[in-house]
Amino acid sequence: MENMLLFPVNRDELTTSEQARRHGVRTGSFALDREAALELVRRYPGRTASELERRAGVTDGKVRKRLRELWKLQLVMIGEEKPCSVTGRTCQTWRPA
C-alpha cells in the first residue's frame, strides 16, 4: 500500500489543536471566554449550550467549549435535558452552581 500523505509528517511539531490551546492559555482568551460563559449561565439558567451561544451571538463553539471547564471547576451544574430551541434535539441544560 502506498503512502497517501501529500506531505511528510513531522512528529516533533505541535498539532494545531495544541498550538491553539497554548495560544488560548497564553493570551488569556480562554479565561475571558470562561467568564463570559459563566455570566451567560447566570443570566439564562436552564438553557442549552446552543441557546447560550445564540444569546451571545457566537457560532464558533466558544461557549460550549468553556462550559465543561466551568463544570470541572464546580462553577456550573448540568441541569435537566430538554428540547433545544436551536437544534431541535434533546440536550442537557446548564445552571449556576
Protein backbone atom coordinates (compact mmCIF):
# COMPACT_ATOMS: atom_id res chain seq x y z
CA MET A 1 0.00 0.00 0.00
CA GLU A 2 1.45 3.36 -0.93
CA ASN A 3 1.70 6.39 1.34
CA MET A 4 -1.39 8.55 0.79
CA LEU A 5 0.03 11.61 2.56
CA LEU A 6 0.91 14.54 0.37
CA PHE A 7 3.37 15.97 2.87
CA PRO A 8 5.74 14.21 5.22
CA VAL A 9 4.56 14.02 8.82
CA ASN A 10 6.87 15.69 11.31
CA ARG A 11 6.04 14.19 14.69
CA ASP A 12 8.15 16.78 16.52
CA GLU A 13 5.80 19.64 15.63
CA LEU A 14 2.86 20.53 17.81
CA THR A 15 -0.56 19.71 16.47
CA THR A 16 -2.70 22.66 15.51
CA SER A 17 -5.01 21.82 18.42
CA GLU A 18 -2.14 22.01 20.88
CA GLN A 19 -0.93 25.25 19.32
CA ALA A 20 -4.42 26.71 19.70
CA ARG A 21 -4.65 25.52 23.32
CA ARG A 22 -1.32 27.09 24.22
CA HIS A 23 -2.28 30.33 22.49
CA GLY A 24 -5.60 30.49 24.37
CA VAL A 25 -3.89 29.94 27.71
CA ARG A 26 -1.03 32.34 26.98
CA THR A 27 -3.22 35.21 25.79
CA GLY A 28 -5.86 34.74 28.45
CA SER A 29 -8.63 34.36 25.88
CA PHE A 30 -9.80 31.08 27.46
CA ALA A 31 -10.17 32.80 30.85
CA LEU A 32 -12.20 35.61 29.27
CA ASP A 33 -14.36 33.08 27.43
CA ARG A 34 -14.96 31.19 30.72
CA GLU A 35 -16.05 34.41 32.42
CA ALA A 36 -18.42 35.22 29.56
CA ALA A 37 -19.86 31.69 29.56
CA LEU A 38 -20.39 31.80 33.34
CA GLU A 39 -22.20 35.14 33.03
CA LEU A 40 -24.45 33.68 30.33
CA VAL A 41 -25.36 30.71 32.55
CA ARG A 42 -26.12 33.09 35.42
CA ARG A 43 -28.34 35.29 33.24
CA TYR A 44 -30.06 32.43 31.42
CA PRO A 45 -30.13 29.37 33.69
CA GLY A 46 -31.66 26.21 32.26
CA ARG A 47 -30.55 26.90 28.68
CA THR A 48 -28.65 24.56 26.40
CA ALA A 49 -25.16 25.36 25.09
CA SER A 50 -26.59 26.21 21.66
CA GLU A 51 -29.18 28.51 23.20
CA LEU A 52 -26.48 30.26 25.24
CA GLU A 53 -24.31 30.65 22.14
CA ARG A 54 -27.23 32.14 20.22
CA ARG A 55 -27.78 34.65 23.05
CA ALA A 56 -24.09 35.55 22.91
CA GLY A 57 -24.12 35.82 19.14
CA VAL A 58 -21.30 33.31 18.63
CA THR A 59 -21.21 30.34 16.29
CA ASP A 60 -17.69 29.05 16.83
CA GLY A 61 -18.33 26.98 19.97
CA LYS A 62 -16.66 29.41 22.37
CA VAL A 63 -19.38 28.97 24.96
CA ARG A 64 -19.81 25.21 24.76
CA LYS A 65 -16.06 24.61 24.96
CA ARG A 66 -15.86 26.52 28.23
CA LEU A 67 -18.97 25.03 29.89
CA ARG A 68 -17.28 21.71 30.60
CA GLU A 69 -14.31 23.55 32.12
CA LEU A 70 -16.67 25.55 34.33
CA TRP A 71 -18.36 22.30 35.37
CA LYS A 72 -15.00 20.79 36.35
CA LEU A 73 -14.33 23.94 38.42
CA GLN A 74 -17.77 23.40 40.04
CA LEU A 75 -18.99 26.82 38.90
CA VAL A 76 -21.89 25.43 36.85
CA MET A 77 -24.07 22.35 37.11
CA ILE A 78 -25.57 20.19 34.41
CA GLY A 79 -29.34 20.59 34.53
CA GLU A 80 -32.19 18.59 33.10
CA GLU A 81 -32.44 17.57 29.48
CA LYS A 82 -34.87 19.43 27.24
CA PRO A 83 -35.54 20.01 23.55
CA CYS A 84 -33.16 22.72 22.34
CA SER A 85 -34.88 25.62 20.60
CA VAL A 86 -31.84 25.99 18.30
CA THR A 87 -31.05 22.41 17.26
CA GLY A 88 -34.39 20.73 17.90
CA ARG A 89 -32.61 17.86 19.64
CA THR A 90 -32.82 16.88 23.29
CA CYS A 91 -29.82 18.47 25.03
CA GLN A 92 -28.54 19.00 28.55
CA THR A 93 -29.03 22.37 30.15
CA TRP A 94 -26.70 24.40 32.35
CA ARG A 95 -27.29 26.11 35.70
CA PRO A 96 -25.07 28.14 38.03
CA ALA A 97 -23.64 26.13 40.91
